C-alpha atoms as a PDB file:
ATOM      1  CA  MET A   1      20.925 156.515 -75.521  1.00  0.00           C
ATOM      2  CA  LYS A   2      24.491 156.916 -74.503  1.00  0.00           C
ATOM      3  CA  ALA A   3      27.091 159.228 -75.961  1.00  0.00           C
ATOM      4  CA  THR A   4      30.844 159.386 -75.624  1.00  0.00           C
ATOM      5  CA  TYR A   5      32.602 162.631 -74.941  1.00  0.00           C
ATOM      6  CA  THR A   6      36.261 163.527 -74.772  1.00  0.00           C
ATOM      7  CA  LEU A   7      36.791 165.794 -71.789  1.00  0.00           C
ATOM      8  CA  ARG A   8      39.979 167.775 -71.239  1.00  0.00           C
ATOM      9  CA  LEU A   9      40.628 168.156 -67.544  1.00  0.00           C
ATOM     10  CA  PRO A  10      43.356 170.086 -65.787  1.00  0.00           C
ATOM     11  CA  GLU A  11      45.733 167.563 -64.147  1.00  0.00           C
ATOM     12  CA  GLU A  12      44.848 168.753 -60.609  1.00  0.00           C
ATOM     13  CA  LEU A  13      41.157 168.232 -61.196  1.00  0.00           C
ATOM     14  CA  ARG A  14      41.752 164.791 -62.742  1.00  0.00           C
ATOM     15  CA  ARG A  15      43.785 163.834 -59.689  1.00  0.00           C
ATOM     16  CA  LYS A  16      41.074 164.991 -57.292  1.00  0.00           C
ATOM     17  CA  ILE A  17      38.322 163.160 -59.244  1.00  0.00           C
ATOM     18  CA  LYS A  18      40.468 159.965 -59.133  1.00  0.00           C
ATOM     19  CA  GLU A  19      40.961 160.344 -55.327  1.00  0.00           C
ATOM     20  CA  GLU A  20      37.319 160.998 -54.688  1.00  0.00           C
ATOM     21  CA  SER A  21      36.199 158.124 -56.856  1.00  0.00           C
ATOM     22  CA  GLU A  22      38.527 155.784 -54.925  1.00  0.00           C
ATOM     23  CA  ARG A  23      37.197 157.080 -51.588  1.00  0.00           C
ATOM     24  CA  SER A  24      33.695 156.484 -52.856  1.00  0.00           C
ATOM     25  CA  ASP A  25      34.550 153.025 -54.162  1.00  0.00           C
ATOM     26  CA  MET A  26      33.436 153.984 -57.678  1.00  0.00           C
ATOM     27  CA  SER A  27      35.057 154.019 -61.035  1.00  0.00           C
ATOM     28  CA  ILE A  28      36.034 157.497 -62.302  1.00  0.00           C
ATOM     29  CA  ASN A  29      33.223 157.232 -64.854  1.00  0.00           C
ATOM     30  CA  GLN A  30      30.656 156.308 -62.182  1.00  0.00           C
ATOM     31  CA  TYR A  31      31.869 159.114 -59.937  1.00  0.00           C
ATOM     32  CA  ILE A  32      31.638 161.784 -62.662  1.00  0.00           C
ATOM     33  CA  LEU A  33      28.172 160.581 -63.614  1.00  0.00           C
ATOM     34  CA  TYR A  34      27.028 160.560 -59.983  1.00  0.00           C
ATOM     35  CA  THR A  35      28.453 164.022 -59.314  1.00  0.00           C
ATOM     36  CA  LEU A  36      26.895 165.549 -62.468  1.00  0.00           C
ATOM     37  CA  THR A  37      23.535 163.883 -61.826  1.00  0.00           C
ATOM     38  CA  LYS A  38      23.504 165.147 -58.228  1.00  0.00           C
ATOM     39  CA  GLU A  39      24.377 168.707 -59.267  1.00  0.00           C
ATOM     40  CA  ILE A  40      21.768 168.767 -62.047  1.00  0.00           C
ATOM     41  CA  SER A  41      19.104 167.325 -59.720  1.00  0.00           C
ATOM     42  CA  TYR A  42      19.904 169.954 -57.138  1.00  0.00           C
ATOM     43  CA  ARG A  43      19.553 172.792 -59.690  1.00  0.00           C
ATOM     44  CA  GLU A  44      16.279 171.375 -60.997  1.00  0.00           C
ATOM     45  CA  ALA A  45      14.858 171.097 -57.459  1.00  0.00           C
ATOM     46  CA  GLU A  46      16.041 174.606 -56.658  1.00  0.00           C
ATOM     47  CA  ARG A  47      14.303 176.014 -59.766  1.00  0.00           C
ATOM     48  CA  ALA A  48      11.085 174.117 -58.991  1.00  0.00           C
ATOM     49  CA  LEU A  49      11.048 175.409 -55.410  1.00  0.00           C
ATOM     50  CA  LYS A  50      11.651 178.981 -56.534  1.00  0.00           C
ATOM     51  CA  ASN A  51       8.808 178.688 -59.012  1.00  0.00           C
ATOM     52  CA  ARG A  52       6.461 177.311 -56.363  1.00  0.00           C
ATOM     53  CA  ILE A  53       7.380 180.134 -53.989  1.00  0.00           C
ATOM     54  CA  LYS A  54       6.820 182.742 -56.722  1.00  0.00           C
ATOM     55  CA  ARG A  55       3.353 181.337 -57.347  1.00  0.00           C
ATOM     56  CA  ALA A  56       2.347 181.557 -53.705  1.00  0.00           C
ATOM     57  CA  PRO A  57      -0.407 184.108 -53.241  1.00  0.00           C
ATOM     58  CA  SER A  58       1.229 185.754 -50.261  1.00  0.00           C
ATOM     59  CA  ARG A  59       4.468 185.995 -48.389  1.00  0.00           C
ATOM     60  CA  GLU A  60       2.966 184.067 -45.511  1.00  0.00           C
ATOM     61  CA  GLU A  61       1.964 181.197 -47.766  1.00  0.00           C
ATOM     62  CA  ALA A  62       5.436 181.173 -49.350  1.00  0.00           C
ATOM     63  CA  LEU A  63       6.988 180.872 -45.869  1.00  0.00           C
ATOM     64  CA  MET A  64       4.601 178.101 -44.959  1.00  0.00           C
ATOM     65  CA  LEU A  65       5.678 176.279 -48.111  1.00  0.00           C
ATOM     66  CA  LEU A  66       9.308 176.665 -47.082  1.00  0.00           C
ATOM     67  CA  ASP A  67       8.517 175.349 -43.605  1.00  0.00           C
ATOM     68  CA  THR A  68       7.107 172.146 -45.093  1.00  0.00           C
ATOM     69  CA  ILE A  69      10.064 171.585 -47.417  1.00  0.00           C
ATOM     70  CA  VAL A  70      13.135 172.876 -45.627  1.00  0.00           C
ATOM     71  CA  PRO A  71      14.234 170.994 -42.464  1.00  0.00           C
ATOM     72  CA  ASP A  72      14.295 172.958 -39.272  1.00  0.00           C
ATOM     73  CA  VAL A  73      17.952 173.048 -38.346  1.00  0.00           C
ATOM     74  CA  PRO A  74      19.888 175.642 -36.340  1.00  0.00           C
ATOM     75  CA  PRO A  75      21.988 178.131 -38.246  1.00  0.00           C
ATOM     76  CA  LEU A  76      25.686 177.636 -38.654  1.00  0.00           C
ATOM     77  CA  ALA A  77      27.988 179.792 -36.624  1.00  0.00           C
ATOM     78  CA  GLU A  78      29.089 181.689 -39.764  1.00  0.00           C
ATOM     79  CA  ASP A  79      25.483 182.411 -40.829  1.00  0.00           C
ATOM     80  CA  ASN A  80      24.635 186.076 -40.480  1.00  0.00           C
ATOM     81  CA  ILE A  81      21.006 186.174 -39.453  1.00  0.00           C
ATOM     82  CA  LEU A  82      19.296 189.462 -38.818  1.00  0.00           C
ATOM     83  CA  SER A  83      16.766 189.678 -36.077  1.00  0.00           C
ATOM     84  CA  VAL A  84      13.127 190.262 -37.133  1.00  0.00           C
ATOM     85  CA  ASN A  85      12.860 192.929 -34.449  1.00  0.00           C
ATOM     86  CA  GLY A  86      16.226 194.532 -35.038  1.00  0.00           C
END
């Protein structure tokens, strides 16, 4: 089922959406649908992961779960990571 909505956008945002849709070789409608779908999917995945971690019987098992899901990548320079020993 499809619905039609009238959406009022600030001119600056409309311009940016148009530019990004052109860069992505999509229509404005396709770009907005893609962007909204991506954001909603991200939030659903985040909620599901948080729920799985909450259900873990121990902190160690929660960390093991994260290790299987989150890729092992080095931190960014701007990340502030505290040492486990410090």
